[in-house]
Amino acid sequence: WNASSNGSTFEMELANDGHFVWTFTKDGKPQTLKGAYAVNKDTLALEPDAGGTMLAQVSFVNPDEFLFTMVGSDPKQPGLDFKK
């Protein structure tokens, strides 16, 4: 899954075994998080191995596209539009 926003790119791999890899690239400098994920209805929880939790609301536009909005973020922010 890939998305972009404000000159940054995001790549998210969600494996069937419940593990994820999230790569954020800004100014050509990638940062990668790995860990476990879980889905409950329209909420995606990402728990990086480094600690903490990222919670997002996801809504599928179609099987190859979904909108990703961080829980608690500014409602005026559009979130990320991930596509395969």
C-alpha atoms as a PDB file:
ATOM      1  CA  TRP A   1       0.000   0.000   0.000  1.00  0.00           C
ATOM      2  CA  ASN A   2       1.341   3.435  -0.971  1.00  0.00           C
ATOM      3  CA  ALA A   3       0.328   7.020  -0.197  1.00  0.00           C
ATOM      4  CA  SER A   4       1.828  10.494  -0.420  1.00  0.00           C
ATOM      5  CA  SER A   5       1.218  13.811   1.312  1.00  0.00           C
ATOM      6  CA  ASN A   6       3.053  17.152   1.337  1.00  0.00           C
ATOM      7  CA  GLY A   7       6.108  15.776  -0.470  1.00  0.00           C
ATOM      8  CA  SER A   8       6.412  12.712   1.771  1.00  0.00           C
ATOM      9  CA  THR A   9       5.720   9.120   0.783  1.00  0.00           C
ATOM     10  CA  PHE A  10       4.329   6.286   2.871  1.00  0.00           C
ATOM     11  CA  GLU A  11       4.531   2.558   2.210  1.00  0.00           C
ATOM     12  CA  MET A  12       2.679   0.069   4.379  1.00  0.00           C
ATOM     13  CA  GLU A  13       2.927  -3.698   4.156  1.00  0.00           C
ATOM     14  CA  LEU A  14       0.336  -5.674   6.118  1.00  0.00           C
ATOM     15  CA  ALA A  15       1.198  -9.378   6.255  1.00  0.00           C
ATOM     16  CA  ASN A  16      -1.363 -12.117   6.834  1.00  0.00           C
ATOM     17  CA  ASP A  17       0.508 -13.152  10.003  1.00  0.00           C
ATOM     18  CA  GLY A  18      -0.365  -9.847  11.741  1.00  0.00           C
ATOM     19  CA  HIS A  19       2.960  -8.071  11.186  1.00  0.00           C
ATOM     20  CA  PHE A  20       3.470  -4.759   9.410  1.00  0.00           C
ATOM     21  CA  VAL A  21       6.260  -2.681   7.903  1.00  0.00           C
ATOM     22  CA  TRP A  22       5.657   1.092   7.621  1.00  0.00           C
ATOM     23  CA  THR A  23       8.165   3.218   5.705  1.00  0.00           C
ATOM     24  CA  PHE A  24       7.929   7.014   5.739  1.00  0.00           C
ATOM     25  CA  THR A  25      10.216   8.946   3.387  1.00  0.00           C
ATOM     26  CA  LYS A  26      10.760  12.703   3.578  1.00  0.00           C
ATOM     27  CA  ASP A  27      13.499  14.606   1.750  1.00  0.00           C
ATOM     28  CA  GLY A  28      14.834  11.277   0.460  1.00  0.00           C
ATOM     29  CA  LYS A  29      15.403   9.961   3.997  1.00  0.00           C
ATOM     30  CA  PRO A  30      13.401   6.810   4.809  1.00  0.00           C
ATOM     31  CA  GLN A  31      12.354   5.825   8.314  1.00  0.00           C
ATOM     32  CA  THR A  32      10.950   2.343   8.899  1.00  0.00           C
ATOM     33  CA  LEU A  33       8.783   0.935  11.679  1.00  0.00           C
ATOM     34  CA  LYS A  34       8.039  -2.768  12.098  1.00  0.00           C
ATOM     35  CA  GLY A  35       5.675  -4.480  14.472  1.00  0.00           C
ATOM     36  CA  ALA A  36       2.281  -6.084  14.919  1.00  0.00           C
ATOM     37  CA  TYR A  37      -1.112  -4.892  13.758  1.00  0.00           C
ATOM     38  CA  ALA A  38      -4.760  -5.694  14.434  1.00  0.00           C
ATOM     39  CA  VAL A  39      -8.006  -4.631  12.792  1.00  0.00           C
ATOM     40  CA  ASN A  40     -11.324  -4.180  14.602  1.00  0.00           C
ATOM     41  CA  LYS A  41     -14.116  -3.093  12.257  1.00  0.00           C
ATOM     42  CA  ASP A  42     -12.825   0.192  10.783  1.00  0.00           C
ATOM     43  CA  THR A  43      -9.963   0.720  13.261  1.00  0.00           C
ATOM     44  CA  LEU A  44      -6.390  -0.291  12.464  1.00  0.00           C
ATOM     45  CA  ALA A  45      -3.969  -0.553  15.406  1.00  0.00           C
ATOM     46  CA  LEU A  46      -0.252  -0.559  14.627  1.00  0.00           C
ATOM     47  CA  GLU A  47       2.051  -1.507  17.512  1.00  0.00           C
ATOM     48  CA  PRO A  48       5.681  -0.853  16.526  1.00  0.00           C
ATOM     49  CA  ASP A  49       8.398  -3.040  18.049  1.00  0.00           C
ATOM     50  CA  ALA A  50       9.961   0.217  19.344  1.00  0.00           C
ATOM     51  CA  GLY A  51       6.865   0.850  21.496  1.00  0.00           C
ATOM     52  CA  GLY A  52       3.711   2.914  21.384  1.00  0.00           C
ATOM     53  CA  THR A  53       0.547   2.467  19.361  1.00  0.00           C
ATOM     54  CA  MET A  54      -0.775   4.165  16.246  1.00  0.00           C
ATOM     55  CA  LEU A  55      -4.567   4.049  15.868  1.00  0.00           C
ATOM     56  CA  ALA A  56      -6.248   4.917  12.599  1.00  0.00           C
ATOM     57  CA  GLN A  57      -9.724   4.818  11.151  1.00  0.00           C
ATOM     58  CA  VAL A  58      -9.726   3.160   7.740  1.00  0.00           C
ATOM     59  CA  SER A  59     -12.466   3.275   5.151  1.00  0.00           C
ATOM     60  CA  PHE A  60     -12.196   1.365   1.911  1.00  0.00           C
ATOM     61  CA  VAL A  61     -13.035   3.239  -1.271  1.00  0.00           C
ATOM     62  CA  ASN A  62     -12.643   0.001  -3.259  1.00  0.00           C
ATOM     63  CA  PRO A  63     -10.563  -3.194  -2.863  1.00  0.00           C
ATOM     64  CA  ASP A  64      -7.427  -1.354  -4.048  1.00  0.00           C
ATOM     65  CA  GLU A  65      -7.809   1.922  -2.108  1.00  0.00           C
ATOM     66  CA  PHE A  66      -8.532   3.028   1.447  1.00  0.00           C
ATOM     67  CA  LEU A  67      -8.482   6.264   3.443  1.00  0.00           C
ATOM     68  CA  PHE A  68      -6.296   6.251   6.576  1.00  0.00           C
ATOM     69  CA  THR A  69      -7.023   8.862   9.258  1.00  0.00           C
ATOM     70  CA  MET A  70      -5.174   8.912  12.576  1.00  0.00           C
ATOM     71  CA  VAL A  71      -7.532   8.744  15.555  1.00  0.00           C
ATOM     72  CA  GLY A  72      -7.466  12.088  17.357  1.00  0.00           C
ATOM     73  CA  SER A  73      -5.992  14.013  14.423  1.00  0.00           C
ATOM     74  CA  ASP A  74      -7.281  17.383  13.256  1.00  0.00           C
ATOM     75  CA  PRO A  75     -10.633  16.733  11.510  1.00  0.00           C
ATOM     76  CA  LYS A  76      -9.615  19.243   8.826  1.00  0.00           C
ATOM     77  CA  GLN A  77      -6.704  17.011   7.788  1.00  0.00           C
ATOM     78  CA  PRO A  78      -7.618  14.728   4.877  1.00  0.00           C
ATOM     79  CA  GLY A  79      -5.607  11.727   6.097  1.00  0.00           C
ATOM     80  CA  LEU A  80      -3.734   9.455   3.711  1.00  0.00           C
ATOM     81  CA  ASP A  81      -5.157   7.862   0.567  1.00  0.00           C
ATOM     82  CA  PHE A  82      -3.457   4.447   0.311  1.00  0.00           C
ATOM     83  CA  LYS A  83      -3.549   2.565  -2.988  1.00  0.00           C
ATOM     84  CA  LYS A  84      -2.162  -0.768  -4.103  1.00  0.00           C
END
